[in-house]
Amino acid sequence: MEEIFEIFSKLSYLGIFLLLVAMNASPILMPPTWIVLSSFYAIDHTFDILWLSIVGATGALIGRIILMFISRFFRRFMGTERKSNLDLLADFLKKKKYGYFSASFLFAITPLPSNILFIAYGIMRVKNISLFAGFWLGRAIAYYVMISISTVTLKPFLDLFDDSLVGILVTDISSMVTIVIFACINWNKLITKKKLEFVKPKFWRV
């Protein structure tokens, strides 16, 4: 892993940007972006934290946009009921002022893996530039904070991911379970009647 950091660090911020775009375009088996950014900073303290945050947020956003468009492919495997269910949620967020911006910002500023968010947006066929702005701003702030305190937080997380896929697999499995649960929520009843109910996936009916 350290060899990868050294190779891309030679290209300075451009190398970091390209690496993060490729990482964030992948739905699974990738470490959190803030860990990668913090590792670059740990290797070379001449990197500016603010610029690392900006480059990181931009690379993450472009990669996630690619992932979002790839995720639209999986919509064809969904039933009509589930499609209309998710479309109702998309319309609800669109009608709310700053709906997409707020949802993306609040999600991005937390440690939650953002692949969940963009896979969901892709399945919902969302087209709204404010979700990109909210995500970018949230991630830029989160990355700045995480890199700034990385001298304390980085080592425990590196121990989790070092020489093992355990940490990554746990994160990815949690993400996939979350996406399934998200797609199974009856958004019509939740939005109109404030009642949480789930729509059973087809494989449950076999």
Protein backbone atom coordinates (compact mmCIF):
# COMPACT_ATOMS: atom_id res chain seq x y z
CA MET A 1 0.00 0.00 0.00
CA GLU A 2 2.84 2.36 0.87
CA GLU A 3 4.35 1.81 -2.58
CA ILE A 4 1.10 3.01 -4.18
CA PHE A 5 1.18 6.19 -2.10
CA GLU A 6 4.79 6.86 -3.09
CA ILE A 7 4.04 6.40 -6.80
CA PHE A 8 1.06 8.75 -6.86
CA SER A 9 2.65 11.27 -4.48
CA LYS A 10 5.35 11.86 -7.11
CA LEU A 11 2.61 13.39 -9.29
CA SER A 12 1.70 15.69 -6.39
CA TYR A 13 -1.96 16.75 -6.17
CA LEU A 14 -2.71 15.48 -9.70
CA GLY A 15 -1.66 11.96 -8.72
CA ILE A 16 -3.81 12.08 -5.59
CA PHE A 17 -6.76 13.36 -7.62
CA LEU A 18 -6.49 10.58 -10.22
CA LEU A 19 -6.18 7.90 -7.55
CA LEU A 20 -9.25 9.17 -5.70
CA VAL A 21 -11.37 9.34 -8.86
CA ALA A 22 -10.56 5.70 -9.60
CA MET A 23 -11.18 4.64 -5.98
CA ASN A 24 -14.52 6.40 -5.67
CA ALA A 25 -15.78 5.09 -9.01
CA SER A 26 -15.58 1.59 -7.51
CA PRO A 27 -18.58 0.50 -5.40
CA ILE A 28 -16.66 -1.93 -3.15
CA LEU A 29 -13.28 -3.05 -1.81
CA MET A 30 -11.82 0.44 -1.33
CA PRO A 31 -10.58 2.05 1.90
CA PRO A 32 -12.16 5.31 3.09
CA THR A 33 -10.90 8.33 1.16
CA TRP A 34 -9.92 10.26 4.29
CA ILE A 35 -7.52 7.46 5.25
CA VAL A 36 -5.83 7.73 1.84
CA LEU A 37 -5.57 11.52 2.12
CA SER A 38 -4.23 11.29 5.67
CA SER A 39 -1.67 8.71 4.54
CA PHE A 40 -0.39 11.04 1.82
CA TYR A 41 -0.07 13.78 4.42
CA ALA A 42 1.72 11.44 6.83
CA ILE A 43 4.25 10.53 4.11
CA ASP A 44 4.83 14.13 3.02
CA HIS A 45 3.96 17.02 5.36
CA THR A 46 4.68 19.54 2.59
CA PHE A 47 1.19 18.82 1.30
CA ASP A 48 -1.19 21.57 2.32
CA ILE A 49 -4.18 20.29 4.34
CA LEU A 50 -6.61 22.72 2.70
CA TRP A 51 -5.51 21.76 -0.81
CA LEU A 52 -5.59 18.06 0.08
CA SER A 53 -9.18 18.54 1.27
CA ILE A 54 -10.20 20.37 -1.90
CA VAL A 55 -8.49 17.85 -4.19
CA GLY A 56 -9.91 14.99 -2.13
CA ALA A 57 -13.48 16.32 -2.24
CA THR A 58 -13.25 16.98 -5.99
CA GLY A 59 -11.78 13.56 -6.79
CA ALA A 60 -14.31 11.82 -4.55
CA LEU A 61 -17.20 13.71 -6.15
CA ILE A 62 -16.18 12.90 -9.74
CA GLY A 63 -15.61 9.25 -8.84
CA ARG A 64 -19.00 9.02 -7.12
CA ILE A 65 -20.73 10.66 -10.09
CA ILE A 66 -19.27 7.91 -12.29
CA LEU A 67 -20.52 5.33 -9.77
CA MET A 68 -23.95 6.97 -9.76
CA PHE A 69 -24.31 6.60 -13.52
CA ILE A 70 -23.07 3.00 -13.40
CA SER A 71 -25.66 2.25 -10.69
CA ARG A 72 -28.50 3.26 -13.03
CA PHE A 73 -27.91 -0.02 -14.85
CA PHE A 74 -29.27 -1.97 -11.86
CA ARG A 75 -32.60 -0.16 -12.00
CA ARG A 76 -33.70 -2.41 -14.85
CA PHE A 77 -33.68 -5.39 -12.49
CA MET A 78 -36.16 -3.74 -10.13
CA GLY A 79 -39.90 -4.28 -10.19
CA THR A 80 -42.35 -1.56 -11.20
CA GLU A 81 -43.57 -1.11 -7.62
CA ARG A 82 -40.08 -0.53 -6.26
CA LYS A 83 -39.20 1.86 -9.10
CA SER A 84 -42.28 4.01 -8.47
CA ASN A 85 -41.59 3.84 -4.75
CA LEU A 86 -38.08 5.29 -5.16
CA ASP A 87 -39.28 7.81 -7.75
CA LEU A 88 -41.71 9.15 -5.16
CA LEU A 89 -38.82 9.73 -2.76
CA ALA A 90 -36.85 11.48 -5.52
CA ASP A 91 -39.80 13.79 -6.25
CA PHE A 92 -40.24 14.49 -2.54
CA LEU A 93 -36.61 15.59 -2.14
CA LYS A 94 -36.78 17.63 -5.35
CA LYS A 95 -39.80 19.61 -4.12
CA LYS A 96 -38.14 20.39 -0.79
CA LYS A 97 -36.04 23.53 -0.84
CA TYR A 98 -32.39 22.47 -0.45
CA GLY A 99 -33.64 18.88 -0.09
CA TYR A 100 -30.89 17.21 -2.11
CA PHE A 101 -28.25 19.67 -0.92
CA SER A 102 -29.08 19.07 2.75
CA ALA A 103 -29.28 15.28 2.40
CA SER A 104 -25.96 15.09 0.55
CA PHE A 105 -24.20 17.55 2.86
CA LEU A 106 -25.30 15.83 6.07
CA PHE A 107 -24.35 12.43 4.64
CA ALA A 108 -20.96 13.65 3.36
CA ILE A 109 -19.89 15.32 6.58
CA THR A 110 -20.34 12.08 8.54
CA PRO A 111 -18.04 9.00 8.41
CA LEU A 112 -20.70 7.04 6.49
CA PRO A 113 -19.40 5.46 3.23
CA SER A 114 -20.67 7.62 0.37
CA ASN A 115 -21.05 4.70 -2.06
CA ILE A 116 -24.41 4.03 -0.38
CA LEU A 117 -25.63 7.53 -1.21
CA PHE A 118 -24.60 7.59 -4.86
CA ILE A 119 -25.72 4.05 -5.63
CA ALA A 120 -29.12 5.03 -4.23
CA TYR A 121 -29.13 8.26 -6.26
CA GLY A 122 -28.19 6.28 -9.36
CA ILE A 123 -31.03 3.80 -8.89
CA MET A 124 -33.40 6.73 -8.31
CA ARG A 125 -32.13 8.41 -11.52
CA VAL A 126 -31.63 11.68 -9.70
CA LYS A 127 -30.65 14.73 -11.76
CA ASN A 128 -29.95 17.64 -9.44
CA ILE A 129 -26.76 19.67 -9.27
CA SER A 130 -27.40 20.71 -5.66
CA LEU A 131 -26.70 17.16 -4.45
CA PHE A 132 -23.20 17.44 -5.93
CA ALA A 133 -22.63 20.82 -4.25
CA GLY A 134 -23.82 19.49 -0.89
CA PHE A 135 -21.62 16.41 -1.13
CA TRP A 136 -18.53 18.38 -2.19
CA LEU A 137 -18.86 20.91 0.61
CA GLY A 138 -19.54 18.25 3.24
CA ARG A 139 -16.63 16.10 2.14
CA ALA A 140 -14.22 19.07 1.93
CA ILE A 141 -15.02 20.01 5.54
CA ALA A 142 -14.87 16.39 6.74
CA TYR A 143 -11.53 15.74 5.00
CA TYR A 144 -10.01 18.93 6.41
CA VAL A 145 -10.98 17.91 9.93
CA MET A 146 -9.88 14.28 9.55
CA ILE A 147 -6.51 15.15 8.00
CA SER A 148 -5.92 17.76 10.71
CA ILE A 149 -6.41 15.20 13.49
CA SER A 150 -4.89 12.28 11.56
CA THR A 151 -1.87 12.10 13.86
CA VAL A 152 -4.26 10.68 16.46
CA THR A 153 -6.88 8.88 14.34
CA LEU A 154 -4.89 7.42 11.45
CA LYS A 155 -2.92 4.63 13.13
CA PRO A 156 -5.90 2.74 14.65
CA PHE A 157 -7.64 2.71 11.28
CA LEU A 158 -4.49 1.66 9.41
CA ASP A 159 -4.12 -1.24 11.84
CA LEU A 160 -7.64 -2.30 10.88
CA PHE A 161 -6.98 -2.19 7.14
CA ASP A 162 -3.31 -3.19 7.04
CA ASP A 163 -2.56 -6.58 5.41
CA SER A 164 -6.22 -7.50 5.64
CA LEU A 165 -9.50 -6.94 3.85
CA VAL A 166 -11.48 -7.38 7.05
CA GLY A 167 -12.15 -3.69 7.62
CA ILE A 168 -13.01 -3.05 3.98
CA LEU A 169 -15.25 -6.11 3.75
CA VAL A 170 -17.13 -5.17 6.91
CA THR A 171 -17.70 -1.67 5.54
CA ASP A 172 -18.81 -2.95 2.12
CA ILE A 173 -21.16 -5.58 3.51
CA SER A 174 -22.72 -2.97 5.80
CA SER A 175 -23.13 -0.67 2.80
CA MET A 176 -24.84 -3.34 0.69
CA VAL A 177 -27.21 -4.26 3.51
CA THR A 178 -28.04 -0.57 3.96
CA ILE A 179 -28.79 -0.18 0.23
CA VAL A 180 -31.14 -3.20 0.28
CA ILE A 181 -32.96 -1.83 3.32
CA PHE A 182 -33.17 1.61 1.69
CA ALA A 183 -34.67 0.14 -1.49
CA CYS A 184 -37.17 -1.91 0.51
CA ILE A 185 -38.62 0.98 2.50
CA ASN A 186 -42.14 1.92 1.46
CA TRP A 187 -41.38 5.59 0.92
CA ASN A 188 -44.97 6.38 -0.04
CA LYS A 189 -46.28 5.42 3.42
CA LEU A 190 -43.29 6.90 5.22
CA ILE A 191 -43.71 10.29 3.51
CA THR A 192 -47.51 10.51 3.46
CA LYS A 193 -48.48 8.62 6.64
CA LYS A 194 -45.23 8.79 8.65
CA LYS A 195 -45.40 5.01 8.93
CA LEU A 196 -42.34 2.82 8.43
CA GLU A 197 -43.10 -0.21 6.32
CA PHE A 198 -41.00 -2.42 4.07
CA VAL A 199 -41.67 -3.80 0.61
CA LYS A 200 -40.48 -7.39 0.40
CA PRO A 201 -37.86 -8.08 -2.29
CA LYS A 202 -38.83 -10.69 -4.88
CA PHE A 203 -36.31 -13.21 -3.62
CA TRP A 204 -38.14 -13.23 -0.29
CA ARG A 205 -41.24 -14.47 -2.11
CA VAL A 206 -39.58 -17.44 -3.76
